[in-house]
PDB file of all heavy atoms in Angstrom:
ATOM      1  N   PRO A   1     -47.164  -9.284  -5.111  1.00  0.00           N
ATOM      2  CA  PRO A   1     -46.053  -8.781  -5.919  1.00  0.00           C
ATOM      3  C   PRO A   1     -44.798  -8.567  -5.072  1.00  0.00           C
ATOM      4  O   PRO A   1     -44.886  -8.240  -3.891  1.00  0.00           O
ATOM      5  CB  PRO A   1     -46.577  -7.447  -6.464  1.00  0.00           C
ATOM      6  CG  PRO A   1     -47.636  -7.021  -5.514  1.00  0.00           C
ATOM      7  CD  PRO A   1     -48.213  -8.279  -4.927  1.00  0.00           C
ATOM      8  N   MET A   2     -43.643  -8.769  -5.708  1.00  0.00           N
ATOM      9  CA  MET A   2     -42.357  -8.515  -5.062  1.00  0.00           C
ATOM     10  C   MET A   2     -41.532  -7.681  -6.029  1.00  0.00           C
ATOM     11  O   MET A   2     -41.495  -7.950  -7.218  1.00  0.00           O
ATOM     12  CB  MET A   2     -41.635  -9.818  -4.731  1.00  0.00           C
ATOM     13  CG  MET A   2     -40.288  -9.633  -4.069  1.00  0.00           C
ATOM     14  SD  MET A   2     -40.333  -8.810  -2.469  1.00  0.00           S
ATOM     15  CE  MET A   2     -40.925 -10.131  -1.437  1.00  0.00           C
ATOM     16  N   TRP A   3     -40.851  -6.675  -5.481  1.00  0.00           N
ATOM     17  CA  TRP A   3     -40.070  -5.744  -6.297  1.00  0.00           C
ATOM     18  C   TRP A   3     -38.588  -5.908  -6.017  1.00  0.00           C
ATOM     19  O   TRP A   3     -38.183  -6.108  -4.870  1.00  0.00           O
ATOM     20  CB  TRP A   3     -40.515  -4.318  -5.970  1.00  0.00           C
ATOM     21  CG  TRP A   3     -39.822  -3.255  -6.747  1.00  0.00           C
ATOM     22  CD1 TRP A   3     -40.144  -2.824  -8.005  1.00  0.00           C
ATOM     23  CD2 TRP A   3     -38.702  -2.481  -6.325  1.00  0.00           C
ATOM     24  NE1 TRP A   3     -39.290  -1.825  -8.382  1.00  0.00           N
ATOM     25  CE2 TRP A   3     -38.381  -1.597  -7.367  1.00  0.00           C
ATOM     26  CE3 TRP A   3     -37.919  -2.451  -5.181  1.00  0.00           C
ATOM     27  CZ2 TRP A   3     -37.343  -0.692  -7.293  1.00  0.00           C
ATOM     28  CZ3 TRP A   3     -36.878  -1.548  -5.099  1.00  0.00           C
ATOM     29  CH2 TRP A   3     -36.607  -0.683  -6.151  1.00  0.00           C
ATOM     30  N   TRP A   4     -37.758  -5.818  -7.058  1.00  0.00           N
ATOM     31  CA  TRP A   4     -36.306  -5.915  -6.954  1.00  0.00           C
ATOM     32  C   TRP A   4     -35.659  -4.748  -7.685  1.00  0.00           C
ATOM     33  O   TRP A   4     -36.219  -4.220  -8.641  1.00  0.00           O
ATOM     34  CB  TRP A   4     -35.775  -7.191  -7.619  1.00  0.00           C
ATOM     35  CG  TRP A   4     -36.059  -8.442  -6.905  1.00  0.00           C
ATOM     36  CD1 TRP A   4     -35.261  -9.063  -5.988  1.00  0.00           C
ATOM     37  CD2 TRP A   4     -37.204  -9.275  -7.050  1.00  0.00           C
ATOM     38  NE1 TRP A   4     -35.852 -10.225  -5.553  1.00  0.00           N
ATOM     39  CE2 TRP A   4     -37.055 -10.374  -6.194  1.00  0.00           C
ATOM     40  CE3 TRP A   4     -38.364  -9.199  -7.820  1.00  0.00           C
ATOM     41  CZ2 TRP A   4     -37.992 -11.386  -6.092  1.00  0.00           C
ATOM     42  CZ3 TRP A   4     -39.301 -10.193  -7.712  1.00  0.00           C
ATOM     43  CH2 TRP A   4     -39.110 -11.281  -6.849  1.00  0.00           C
ATOM     44  N   SER A   5     -34.457  -4.420  -7.258  1.00  0.00           N
ATOM     45  CA  SER A   5     -33.639  -3.470  -7.988  1.00  0.00           C
ATOM     46  C   SER A   5     -32.178  -3.882  -7.805  1.00  0.00           C
ATOM     47  O   SER A   5     -31.653  -3.811  -6.699  1.00  0.00           O
ATOM     48  CB  SER A   5     -33.871  -2.042  -7.492  1.00  0.00           C
ATOM     49  OG  SER A   5     -33.239  -1.124  -8.345  1.00  0.00           O
ATOM     50  N   HIS A   6     -31.554  -4.327  -8.889  1.00  0.00           N
ATOM     51  CA  HIS A   6     -30.178  -4.830  -8.845  1.00  0.00           C
ATOM     52  C   HIS A   6     -29.272  -3.921  -9.654  1.00  0.00           C
ATOM     53  O   HIS A   6     -29.615  -3.545 -10.769  1.00  0.00           O
ATOM     54  CB  HIS A   6     -30.060  -6.179  -9.546  1.00  0.00           C
ATOM     55  CG  HIS A   6     -30.772  -7.304  -8.908  1.00  0.00           C
ATOM     56  ND1 HIS A   6     -30.435  -8.592  -9.207  1.00  0.00           N
ATOM     57  CD2 HIS A   6     -31.775  -7.390  -8.027  1.00  0.00           C
ATOM     58  CE1 HIS A   6     -31.211  -9.425  -8.540  1.00  0.00           C
ATOM     59  NE2 HIS A   6     -32.036  -8.704  -7.823  1.00  0.00           N
ATOM     60  N   ALA A   7     -28.111  -3.643  -9.128  1.00  0.00           N
ATOM     61  CA  ALA A   7     -27.004  -3.168  -9.952  1.00  0.00           C
ATOM     62  C   ALA A   7     -26.189  -4.412 -10.304  1.00  0.00           C
ATOM     63  O   ALA A   7     -26.396  -5.479  -9.732  1.00  0.00           O
ATOM     64  CB  ALA A   7     -26.152  -2.173  -9.175  1.00  0.00           C
ATOM     65  N   ASP A   8     -25.270  -4.278 -11.235  1.00  0.00           N
ATOM     66  CA  ASP A   8     -24.433  -5.434 -11.573  1.00  0.00           C
ATOM     67  C   ASP A   8     -23.332  -5.617 -10.531  1.00  0.00           C
ATOM     68  O   ASP A   8     -23.105  -4.748  -9.683  1.00  0.00           O
ATOM     69  CB  ASP A   8     -23.847  -5.307 -12.981  1.00  0.00           C
ATOM     70  CG  ASP A   8     -22.998  -4.063 -13.149  1.00  0.00           C
ATOM     71  OD1 ASP A   8     -22.083  -3.836 -12.328  1.00  0.00           O
ATOM     72  OD2 ASP A   8     -23.246  -3.307 -14.100  1.00  0.00           O
ATOM     73  N   ALA A   9     -22.652  -6.743 -10.593  1.00  0.00           N
ATOM     74  CA  ALA A   9     -21.636  -7.077  -9.584  1.00  0.00           C
ATOM     75  C   ALA A   9     -20.517  -6.047  -9.538  1.00  0.00           C
ATOM     76  O   ALA A   9     -20.051  -5.677  -8.456  1.00  0.00           O
ATOM     77  CB  ALA A   9     -21.066  -8.471  -9.857  1.00  0.00           C
ATOM     78  N   ALA A  10     -20.080  -5.543 -10.696  1.00  0.00           N
ATOM     79  CA  ALA A  10     -18.994  -4.556 -10.716  1.00  0.00           C
ATOM     80  C   ALA A  10     -19.418  -3.263 -10.007  1.00  0.00           C
ATOM     81  O   ALA A  10     -18.632  -2.676  -9.251  1.00  0.00           O
ATOM     82  CB  ALA A  10     -18.572  -4.266 -12.153  1.00  0.00           C
ATOM     83  N   THR A  11     -20.639  -2.839 -10.234  1.00  0.00           N
ATOM     84  CA  THR A  11     -21.140  -1.628  -9.565  1.00  0.00           C
ATOM     85  C   THR A  11     -21.237  -1.858  -8.070  1.00  0.00           C
ATOM     86  O   THR A  11     -20.823  -0.998  -7.275  1.00  0.00           O
ATOM     87  CB  THR A  11     -22.513  -1.223 -10.149  1.00  0.00           C
ATOM     88  OG1 THR A  11     -22.350  -0.962 -11.552  1.00  0.00           O
ATOM     89  CG2 THR A  11     -23.078  -0.005  -9.441  1.00  0.00           C
ATOM     90  N   ASN A  12     -21.753  -3.015  -7.670  1.00  0.00           N
ATOM     91  CA  ASN A  12     -21.836  -3.319  -6.235  1.00  0.00           C
ATOM     92  C   ASN A  12     -20.457  -3.356  -5.599  1.00  0.00           C
ATOM     93  O   ASN A  12     -20.262  -2.854  -4.487  1.00  0.00           O
ATOM     94  CB  ASN A  12     -22.569  -4.647  -6.011  1.00  0.00           C
ATOM     95  CG  ASN A  12     -24.056  -4.506  -6.194  1.00  0.00           C
ATOM     96  OD1 ASN A  12     -24.703  -3.724  -5.512  1.00  0.00           O
ATOM     97  ND2 ASN A  12     -24.594  -5.233  -7.143  1.00  0.00           N
ATOM     98  N   ARG A  13     -19.489  -3.925  -6.284  1.00  0.00           N
ATOM     99  CA  ARG A  13     -18.120  -3.959  -5.783  1.00  0.00           C
ATOM    100  C   ARG A  13     -17.613  -2.532  -5.537  1.00  0.00           C
ATOM    101  O   ARG A  13     -17.028  -2.229  -4.495  1.00  0.00           O
ATOM    102  CB  ARG A  13     -17.231  -4.682  -6.800  1.00  0.00           C
ATOM    103  CG  ARG A  13     -15.860  -5.003  -6.326  1.00  0.00           C
ATOM    104  CD  ARG A  13     -15.043  -5.777  -7.387  1.00  0.00           C
ATOM    105  NE  ARG A  13     -15.777  -6.888  -7.989  1.00  0.00           N
ATOM    106  CZ  ARG A  13     -16.210  -6.902  -9.264  1.00  0.00           C
ATOM    107  NH1 ARG A  13     -15.968  -5.890 -10.072  1.00  0.00           N
ATOM    108  NH2 ARG A  13     -16.866  -7.958  -9.722  1.00  0.00           N
ATOM    109  N   THR A  14     -17.872  -1.641  -6.486  1.00  0.00           N
ATOM    110  CA  THR A  14     -17.465  -0.235  -6.349  1.00  0.00           C
ATOM    111  C   THR A  14     -18.166   0.417  -5.169  1.00  0.00           C
ATOM    112  O   THR A  14     -17.532   1.103  -4.362  1.00  0.00           O
ATOM    113  CB  THR A  14     -17.767   0.533  -7.650  1.00  0.00           C
ATOM    114  OG1 THR A  14     -16.990  -0.040  -8.709  1.00  0.00           O
ATOM    115  CG2 THR A  14     -17.454   2.008  -7.509  1.00  0.00           C
ATOM    116  N   TRP A  15     -19.474   0.224  -5.059  1.00  0.00           N
ATOM    117  CA  TRP A  15     -20.234   0.837  -3.955  1.00  0.00           C
ATOM    118  C   TRP A  15     -19.738   0.351  -2.596  1.00  0.00           C
ATOM    119  O   TRP A  15     -19.644   1.127  -1.653  1.00  0.00           O
ATOM    120  CB  TRP A  15     -21.715   0.539  -4.088  1.00  0.00           C
ATOM    121  CG  TRP A  15     -22.403   1.230  -5.219  1.00  0.00           C
ATOM    122  CD1 TRP A  15     -21.905   2.241  -5.996  1.00  0.00           C
ATOM    123  CD2 TRP A  15     -23.701   0.956  -5.704  1.00  0.00           C
ATOM    124  NE1 TRP A  15     -22.824   2.610  -6.934  1.00  0.00           N
ATOM    125  CE2 TRP A  15     -23.951   1.841  -6.774  1.00  0.00           C
ATOM    126  CE3 TRP A  15     -24.687   0.057  -5.347  1.00  0.00           C
ATOM    127  CZ2 TRP A  15     -25.153   1.850  -7.492  1.00  0.00           C
ATOM    128  CZ3 TRP A  15     -25.881   0.061  -6.050  1.00  0.00           C
ATOM    129  CH2 TRP A  15     -26.110   0.957  -7.103  1.00  0.00           C
ATOM    130  N   ILE A  16     -19.444  -0.934  -2.497  1.00  0.00           N
ATOM    131  CA  ILE A  16     -18.974  -1.502  -1.222  1.00  0.00           C
ATOM    132  C   ILE A  16     -17.630  -0.891  -0.844  1.00  0.00           C
ATOM    133  O   ILE A  16     -17.420  -0.498   0.306  1.00  0.00           O
ATOM    134  CB  ILE A  16     -18.928  -3.043  -1.304  1.00  0.00           C
ATOM    135  CG1 ILE A  16     -20.362  -3.596  -1.379  1.00  0.00           C
ATOM    136  CG2 ILE A  16     -18.174  -3.635  -0.117  1.00  0.00           C
ATOM    137  CD1 ILE A  16     -20.450  -5.064  -1.762  1.00  0.00           C
ATOM    138  N   THR A  17     -16.732  -0.785  -1.797  1.00  0.00           N
ATOM    139  CA  THR A  17     -15.427  -0.201  -1.478  1.00  0.00           C
ATOM    140  C   THR A  17     -15.545   1.293  -1.210  1.00  0.00           C
ATOM    141  O   THR A  17     -14.877   1.806  -0.309  1.00  0.00           O
ATOM    142  CB  THR A  17     -14.393  -0.492  -2.583  1.00  0.00           C
ATOM    143  OG1 THR A  17     -14.871   0.004  -3.821  1.00  0.00           O
ATOM    144  CG2 THR A  17     -14.116  -1.972  -2.693  1.00  0.00           C
ATOM    145  N   GLN A  18     -16.404   1.997  -1.941  1.00  0.00           N
ATOM    146  CA  GLN A  18     -16.599   3.427  -1.692  1.00  0.00           C
ATOM    147  C   GLN A  18     -17.209   3.680  -0.317  1.00  0.00           C
ATOM    148  O   GLN A  18     -16.996   4.741   0.270  1.00  0.00           O
ATOM    149  CB  GLN A  18     -17.492   4.053  -2.769  1.00  0.00           C
ATOM    150  CG  GLN A  18     -16.803   4.227  -4.090  1.00  0.00           C
ATOM    151  CD  GLN A  18     -17.735   4.755  -5.167  1.00  0.00           C
ATOM    152  OE1 GLN A  18     -18.964   4.707  -5.053  1.00  0.00           O
ATOM    153  NE2 GLN A  18     -17.152   5.244  -6.248  1.00  0.00           N
ATOM    154  N   ALA A  19     -17.957   2.712   0.195  1.00  0.00           N
ATOM    155  CA  ALA A  19     -18.575   2.853   1.520  1.00  0.00           C
ATOM    156  C   ALA A  19     -17.553   2.691   2.639  1.00  0.00           C
ATOM    157  O   ALA A  19     -17.861   2.983   3.797  1.00  0.00           O
ATOM    158  CB  ALA A  19     -19.704   1.837   1.684  1.00  0.00           C
ATOM    159  N   GLY A  20     -16.349   2.212   2.321  1.00  0.00           N
ATOM    160  CA  GLY A  20     -15.318   2.081   3.342  1.00  0.00           C
ATOM    161  C   GLY A  20     -14.916   0.654   3.668  1.00  0.00           C
ATOM    162  O   GLY A  20     -14.317   0.402   4.709  1.00  0.00           O
ATOM    163  N   PHE A  21     -15.224  -0.260   2.769  1.00  0.00           N
ATOM    164  CA  PHE A  21     -14.899  -1.666   2.994  1.00  0.00           C
ATOM    165  C   PHE A  21     -13.778  -2.129   2.068  1.00  0.00           C
ATOM    166  O   PHE A  21     -13.610  -1.604   0.969  1.00  0.00           O
ATOM    167  CB  PHE A  21     -16.117  -2.560   2.716  1.00  0.00           C
ATOM    168  CG  PHE A  21     -17.240  -2.379   3.685  1.00  0.00           C
ATOM    169  CD1 PHE A  21     -18.339  -1.597   3.360  1.00  0.00           C
ATOM    170  CD2 PHE A  21     -17.218  -2.995   4.926  1.00  0.00           C
ATOM    171  CE1 PHE A  21     -19.391  -1.430   4.248  1.00  0.00           C
ATOM    172  CE2 PHE A  21     -18.263  -2.838   5.825  1.00  0.00           C
ATOM    173  CZ  PHE A  21     -19.347  -2.050   5.477  1.00  0.00           C
ATOM    174  N   THR A  22     -13.066  -3.144   2.519  1.00  0.00           N
ATOM    175  CA  THR A  22     -12.137  -3.889   1.677  1.00  0.00           C
ATOM    176  C   THR A  22     -12.778  -5.241   1.420  1.00  0.00           C
ATOM    177  O   THR A  22     -13.135  -5.953   2.379  1.00  0.00           O
ATOM    178  CB  THR A  22     -10.785  -4.083   2.390  1.00  0.00           C
ATOM    179  OG1 THR A  22     -10.223  -2.794   2.642  1.00  0.00           O
ATOM    180  CG2 THR A  22      -9.833  -4.914   1.545  1.00  0.00           C
ATOM    181  N   ILE A  23     -12.964  -5.587   0.171  1.00  0.00           N
ATOM    182  CA  ILE A  23     -13.592  -6.866  -0.164  1.00  0.00           C
ATOM    183  C   ILE A  23     -12.562  -7.977  -0.008  1.00  0.00           C
ATOM    184  O   ILE A  23     -11.496  -7.947  -0.608  1.00  0.00           O
ATOM    185  CB  ILE A  23     -14.177  -6.831  -1.584  1.00  0.00           C
ATOM    186  CG1 ILE A  23     -15.309  -5.795  -1.632  1.00  0.00           C
ATOM    187  CG2 ILE A  23     -14.660  -8.226  -2.009  1.00  0.00           C
ATOM    188  CD1 ILE A  23     -15.849  -5.509  -3.005  1.00  0.00           C
ATOM    189  N   GLU A  24     -12.906  -8.945   0.842  1.00  0.00           N
ATOM    190  CA  GLU A  24     -12.030 -10.088   1.107  1.00  0.00           C
ATOM    191  C   GLU A  24     -12.313 -11.252   0.165  1.00  0.00           C
ATOM    192  O   GLU A  24     -11.406 -11.997  -0.185  1.00  0.00           O
ATOM    193  CB  GLU A  24     -12.177 -10.537   2.564  1.00  0.00           C
ATOM    194  CG  GLU A  24     -11.813  -9.471   3.577  1.00  0.00           C
ATOM    195  CD  GLU A  24     -10.325  -9.152   3.626  1.00  0.00           C
ATOM    196  OE1 GLU A  24      -9.513  -9.997   3.191  1.00  0.00           O
ATOM    197  OE2 GLU A  24      -9.978  -8.056   4.092  1.00  0.00           O
ATOM    198  N   SER A  25     -13.583 -11.424  -0.226  1.00  0.00           N
ATOM    199  CA  SER A  25     -13.925 -12.467  -1.197  1.00  0.00           C
ATOM    200  C   SER A  25     -15.259 -12.128  -1.851  1.00  0.00           C
ATOM    201  O   SER A  25     -16.070 -11.379  -1.305  1.00  0.00           O
ATOM    202  CB  SER A  25     -13.971 -13.859  -0.562  1.00  0.00           C
ATOM    203  OG  SER A  25     -15.070 -13.986   0.304  1.00  0.00           O
ATOM    204  N   GLU A  26     -15.426 -12.699  -3.023  1.00  0.00           N
ATOM    205  CA  GLU A  26     -16.628 -12.456  -3.835  1.00  0.00           C
ATOM    206  C   GLU A  26     -16.959 -13.748  -4.567  1.00  0.00           C
ATOM    207  O   GLU A  26     -16.069 -14.356  -5.174  1.00  0.00           O
ATOM    208  CB  GLU A  26     -16.327 -11.327  -4.824  1.00  0.00           C
ATOM    209  CG  GLU A  26     -17.399 -11.049  -5.817  1.00  0.00           C
ATOM    210  CD  GLU A  26     -16.993  -9.937  -6.788  1.00  0.00           C
ATOM    211  OE1 GLU A  26     -16.047  -9.171  -6.521  1.00  0.00           O
ATOM    212  OE2 GLU A  26     -17.640  -9.858  -7.847  1.00  0.00           O
ATOM    213  N   HIS A  27     -18.223 -14.160  -4.510  1.00  0.00           N
ATOM    214  CA  HIS A  27     -18.633 -15.414  -5.139  1.00  0.00           C
ATOM    215  C   HIS A  27     -19.984 -15.251  -5.807  1.00  0.00           C
ATOM    216  O   HIS A  27     -20.880 -14.577  -5.270  1.00  0.00           O
ATOM    217  CB  HIS A  27     -18.745 -16.545  -4.104  1.00  0.00           C
ATOM    218  CG  HIS A  27     -17.487 -16.764  -3.338  1.00  0.00           C
ATOM    219  ND1 HIS A  27     -16.437 -17.497  -3.833  1.00  0.00           N
ATOM    220  CD2 HIS A  27     -17.098 -16.328  -2.125  1.00  0.00           C
ATOM    221  CE1 HIS A  27     -15.464 -17.500  -2.951  1.00  0.00           C
ATOM    222  NE2 HIS A  27     -15.846 -16.796  -1.901  1.00  0.00           N
ATOM    223  N   PHE A  28     -20.149 -15.899  -6.939  1.00  0.00           N
ATOM    224  CA  PHE A  28     -21.444 -15.953  -7.620  1.00  0.00           C
ATOM    225  C   PHE A  28     -22.297 -17.026  -6.958  1.00  0.00           C
ATOM    226  O   PHE A  28     -21.818 -18.147  -6.731  1.00  0.00           O
ATOM    227  CB  PHE A  28     -21.264 -16.255  -9.110  1.00  0.00           C
ATOM    228  CG  PHE A  28     -22.562 -16.397  -9.844  1.00  0.00           C
ATOM    229  CD1 PHE A  28     -23.377 -15.299 -10.062  1.00  0.00           C
ATOM    230  CD2 PHE A  28     -22.969 -17.634 -10.300  1.00  0.00           C
ATOM    231  CE1 PHE A  28     -24.578 -15.435 -10.742  1.00  0.00           C
ATOM    232  CE2 PHE A  28     -24.175 -17.783 -10.982  1.00  0.00           C
ATOM    233  CZ  PHE A  28     -24.977 -16.675 -11.198  1.00  0.00           C
ATOM    234  N   VAL A  29     -23.539 -16.702  -6.643  1.00  0.00           N
ATOM    235  CA  VAL A  29     -24.481 -17.644  -6.047  1.00  0.00           C
ATOM    236  C   VAL A  29     -25.593 -17.878  -7.069  1.00  0.00           C
ATOM    237  O   VAL A  29     -26.449 -17.007  -7.267  1.00  0.00           O
ATOM    238  CB  VAL A  29     -25.078 -17.091  -4.727  1.00  0.00           C
ATOM    239  CG1 VAL A  29     -26.064 -18.082  -4.132  1.00  0.00           C
ATOM    240  CG2 VAL A  29     -23.980 -16.732  -3.741  1.00  0.00           C
ATOM    241  N   PRO A  30     -25.593 -19.029  -7.764  1.00  0.00           N
ATOM    242  CA  PRO A  30     -26.607 -19.268  -8.790  1.00  0.00           C
ATOM    243  C   PRO A  30     -28.005 -19.415  -8.196  1.00  0.00           C
ATOM    244  O   PRO A  30     -28.173 -19.946  -7.093  1.00  0.00           O
ATOM    245  CB  PRO A  30     -26.149 -20.566  -9.460  1.00  0.00           C
ATOM    246  CG  PRO A  30     -25.211 -21.207  -8.512  1.00  0.00           C
ATOM    247  CD  PRO A  30     -24.674 -20.147  -7.603  1.00  0.00           C
ATOM    248  N   GLU A  31     -28.972 -18.902  -8.940  1.00  0.00           N
ATOM    249  CA  GLU A  31     -30.379 -19.046  -8.546  1.00  0.00           C
ATOM    250  C   GLU A  31     -31.210 -19.020  -9.816  1.00  0.00           C
ATOM    251  O   GLU A  31     -31.255 -17.994 -10.507  1.00  0.00           O
ATOM    252  CB  GLU A  31     -30.808 -17.929  -7.602  1.00  0.00           C
ATOM    253  CG  GLU A  31     -32.247 -18.070  -7.146  1.00  0.00           C
ATOM    254  CD  GLU A  31     -32.691 -16.962  -6.206  1.00  0.00           C
ATOM    255  OE1 GLU A  31     -31.840 -16.335  -5.565  1.00  0.00           O
ATOM    256  OE2 GLU A  31     -33.903 -16.741  -6.124  1.00  0.00           O
ATOM    257  N   GLY A  32     -31.874 -20.125 -10.118  1.00  0.00           N
ATOM    258  CA  GLY A  32     -32.665 -20.204 -11.344  1.00  0.00           C
ATOM    259  C   GLY A  32     -31.808 -19.899 -12.558  1.00  0.00           C
ATOM    260  O   GLY A  32     -30.700 -20.425 -12.705  1.00  0.00           O
ATOM    261  N   SER A  33     -32.287 -19.002 -13.411  1.00  0.00           N
ATOM    262  CA  SER A  33     -31.533 -18.639 -14.616  1.00  0.00           C
ATOM    263  C   SER A  33     -30.564 -17.482 -14.364  1.00  0.00           C
ATOM    264  O   SER A  33     -29.908 -17.012 -15.280  1.00  0.00           O
ATOM    265  CB  SER A  33     -32.508 -18.258 -15.738  1.00  0.00           C
ATOM    266  OG  SER A  33     -33.267 -17.124 -15.345  1.00  0.00           O
ATOM    267  N   GLY A  34     -30.472 -17.024 -13.119  1.00  0.00           N
ATOM    268  CA  GLY A  34     -29.590 -15.912 -12.773  1.00  0.00           C
ATOM    269  C   GLY A  34     -28.831 -16.212 -11.505  1.00  0.00           C
ATOM    270  O   GLY A  34     -28.379 -17.322 -11.286  1.00  0.00           O
ATOM    271  N   GLY A  35     -28.738 -15.198 -10.676  1.00  0.00           N
ATOM    272  CA  GLY A  35     -28.069 -15.397  -9.407  1.00  0.00           C
ATOM    273  C   GLY A  35     -27.710 -14.088  -8.740  1.00  0.00           C
ATOM    274  O   GLY A  35     -28.106 -13.012  -9.194  1.00  0.00           O
ATOM    275  N   HIS A  36     -26.975 -14.194  -7.677  1.00  0.00           N
ATOM    276  CA  HIS A  36     -26.562 -13.047  -6.874  1.00  0.00           C
ATOM    277  C   HIS A  36     -25.060 -13.105  -6.643  1.00  0.00           C
ATOM    278  O   HIS A  36     -24.427 -14.105  -6.948  1.00  0.00           O
ATOM    279  CB  HIS A  36     -27.298 -13.066  -5.524  1.00  0.00           C
ATOM    280  CG  HIS A  36     -28.771 -12.939  -5.680  1.00  0.00           C
ATOM    281  ND1 HIS A  36     -29.585 -14.027  -5.890  1.00  0.00           N
ATOM    282  CD2 HIS A  36     -29.573 -11.856  -5.691  1.00  0.00           C
ATOM    283  CE1 HIS A  36     -30.843 -13.623  -6.013  1.00  0.00           C
ATOM    284  NE2 HIS A  36     -30.857 -12.313  -5.908  1.00  0.00           N
ATOM    285  N   THR A  37     -24.530 -12.040  -6.093  1.00  0.00           N
ATOM    286  CA  THR A  37     -23.121 -12.021  -5.726  1.00  0.00           C
ATOM    287  C   THR A  37     -23.032 -11.943  -4.211  1.00  0.00           C
ATOM    288  O   THR A  37     -23.719 -11.126  -3.585  1.00  0.00           O
ATOM    289  CB  THR A  37     -22.388 -10.837  -6.369  1.00  0.00           C
ATOM    290  OG1 THR A  37     -22.578 -10.891  -7.781  1.00  0.00           O
ATOM    291  CG2 THR A  37     -20.903 -10.885  -6.063  1.00  0.00           C
ATOM    292  N   LEU A  38     -22.214 -12.805  -3.632  1.00  0.00           N
ATOM    293  CA  LEU A  38     -21.972 -12.831  -2.193  1.00  0.00           C
ATOM    294  C   LEU A  38     -20.628 -12.169  -1.937  1.00  0.00           C
ATOM    295  O   LEU A  38     -19.617 -12.566  -2.517  1.00  0.00           O
ATOM    296  CB  LEU A  38     -21.950 -14.273  -1.686  1.00  0.00           C
ATOM    297  CG  LEU A  38     -21.647 -14.460  -0.210  1.00  0.00           C
ATOM    298  CD1 LEU A  38     -22.891 -14.158   0.615  1.00  0.00           C
ATOM    299  CD2 LEU A  38     -21.180 -15.881   0.056  1.00  0.00           C
ATOM    300  N   PHE A  39     -20.632 -11.141  -1.092  1.00  0.00           N
ATOM    301  CA  PHE A  39     -19.410 -10.426  -0.736  1.00  0.00           C
ATOM    302  C   PHE A  39     -19.103 -10.623   0.739  1.00  0.00           C
ATOM    303  O   PHE A  39     -19.998 -10.508   1.586  1.00  0.00           O
ATOM    304  CB  PHE A  39     -19.568  -8.914  -0.969  1.00  0.00           C
ATOM    305  CG  PHE A  39     -19.615  -8.503  -2.402  1.00  0.00           C
ATOM    306  CD1 PHE A  39     -20.824  -8.258  -3.029  1.00  0.00           C
ATOM    307  CD2 PHE A  39     -18.446  -8.338  -3.133  1.00  0.00           C
ATOM    308  CE1 PHE A  39     -20.874  -7.856  -4.353  1.00  0.00           C
ATOM    309  CE2 PHE A  39     -18.476  -7.930  -4.453  1.00  0.00           C
ATOM    310  CZ  PHE A  39     -19.695  -7.689  -5.071  1.00  0.00           C
ATOM    311  N   TRP A  40     -17.835 -10.909   1.042  1.00  0.00           N
ATOM    312  CA  TRP A  40     -17.284 -10.842   2.394  1.00  0.00           C
ATOM    313  C   TRP A  40     -16.380  -9.623   2.387  1.00  0.00           C
ATOM    314  O   TRP A  40     -15.461  -9.534   1.561  1.00  0.00           O
ATOM    315  CB  TRP A  40     -16.444 -12.060   2.726  1.00  0.00           C
ATOM    316  CG  TRP A  40     -17.206 -13.261   3.193  1.00  0.00           C
ATOM    317  CD1 TRP A  40     -17.547 -14.350   2.445  1.00  0.00           C
ATOM    318  CD2 TRP A  40     -17.680 -13.511   4.507  1.00  0.00           C
ATOM    319  NE1 TRP A  40     -18.209 -15.259   3.228  1.00  0.00           N
ATOM    320  CE2 TRP A  40     -18.307 -14.768   4.506  1.00  0.00           C
ATOM    321  CE3 TRP A  40     -17.641 -12.783   5.708  1.00  0.00           C
ATOM    322  CZ2 TRP A  40     -18.896 -15.321   5.623  1.00  0.00           C
ATOM    323  CZ3 TRP A  40     -18.216 -13.339   6.829  1.00  0.00           C
ATOM    324  CH2 TRP A  40     -18.842 -14.585   6.796  1.00  0.00           C
ATOM    325  N   ALA A  41     -16.617  -8.681   3.274  1.00  0.00           N
ATOM    326  CA  ALA A  41     -15.815  -7.461   3.303  1.00  0.00           C
ATOM    327  C   ALA A  41     -15.506  -7.084   4.741  1.00  0.00           C
ATOM    328  O   ALA A  41     -16.180  -7.517   5.673  1.00  0.00           O
ATOM    329  CB  ALA A  41     -16.566  -6.331   2.600  1.00  0.00           C
ATOM    330  N   ARG A  42     -14.474  -6.250   4.888  1.00  0.00           N
ATOM    331  CA  ARG A  42     -14.088  -5.741   6.214  1.00  0.00           C
ATOM    332  C   ARG A  42     -14.035  -4.230   6.149  1.00  0.00           C
ATOM    333  O   ARG A  42     -13.591  -3.658   5.152  1.00  0.00           O
ATOM    334  CB  ARG A  42     -12.725  -6.268   6.632  1.00  0.00           C
ATOM    335  CG  ARG A  42     -12.759  -7.770   6.894  1.00  0.00           C
ATOM    336  CD  ARG A  42     -11.527  -8.213   7.533  1.00  0.00           C
ATOM    337  NE  ARG A  42     -11.713  -8.005   8.980  1.00  0.00           N
ATOM    338  CZ  ARG A  42     -11.118  -8.711   9.902  1.00  0.00           C
ATOM    339  NH1 ARG A  42     -10.288  -9.661   9.551  1.00  0.00           N
ATOM    340  NH2 ARG A  42     -11.318  -8.477  11.162  1.00  0.00           N
ATOM    341  N   ARG A  43     -14.464  -3.613   7.239  1.00  0.00           N
ATOM    342  CA  ARG A  43     -14.378  -2.154   7.312  1.00  0.00           C
ATOM    343  C   ARG A  43     -12.916  -1.738   7.424  1.00  0.00           C
ATOM    344  O   ARG A  43     -12.159  -2.313   8.199  1.00  0.00           O
ATOM    345  CB  ARG A  43     -15.142  -1.641   8.520  1.00  0.00           C
ATOM    346  CG  ARG A  43     -15.096  -0.143   8.598  1.00  0.00           C
ATOM    347  CD  ARG A  43     -15.972   0.391   9.715  1.00  0.00           C
ATOM    348  NE  ARG A  43     -15.732   1.814   9.833  1.00  0.00           N
ATOM    349  CZ  ARG A  43     -15.397   2.421  10.949  1.00  0.00           C
ATOM    350  NH1 ARG A  43     -15.298   1.736  12.079  1.00  0.00           N
ATOM    351  NH2 ARG A  43     -15.187   3.719  10.972  1.00  0.00           N
TER     352      ARG A  43
END
């Protein structure tokens, strides 16, 4: 078994910026019927 826990992209964007980062780019990475969000950020 493998376990996952995802927030949506908007929530992740908020968490990343609240942690002290500036998001430089954001891209959807397709995978099967869904996908992930790839963030490039700078402290």
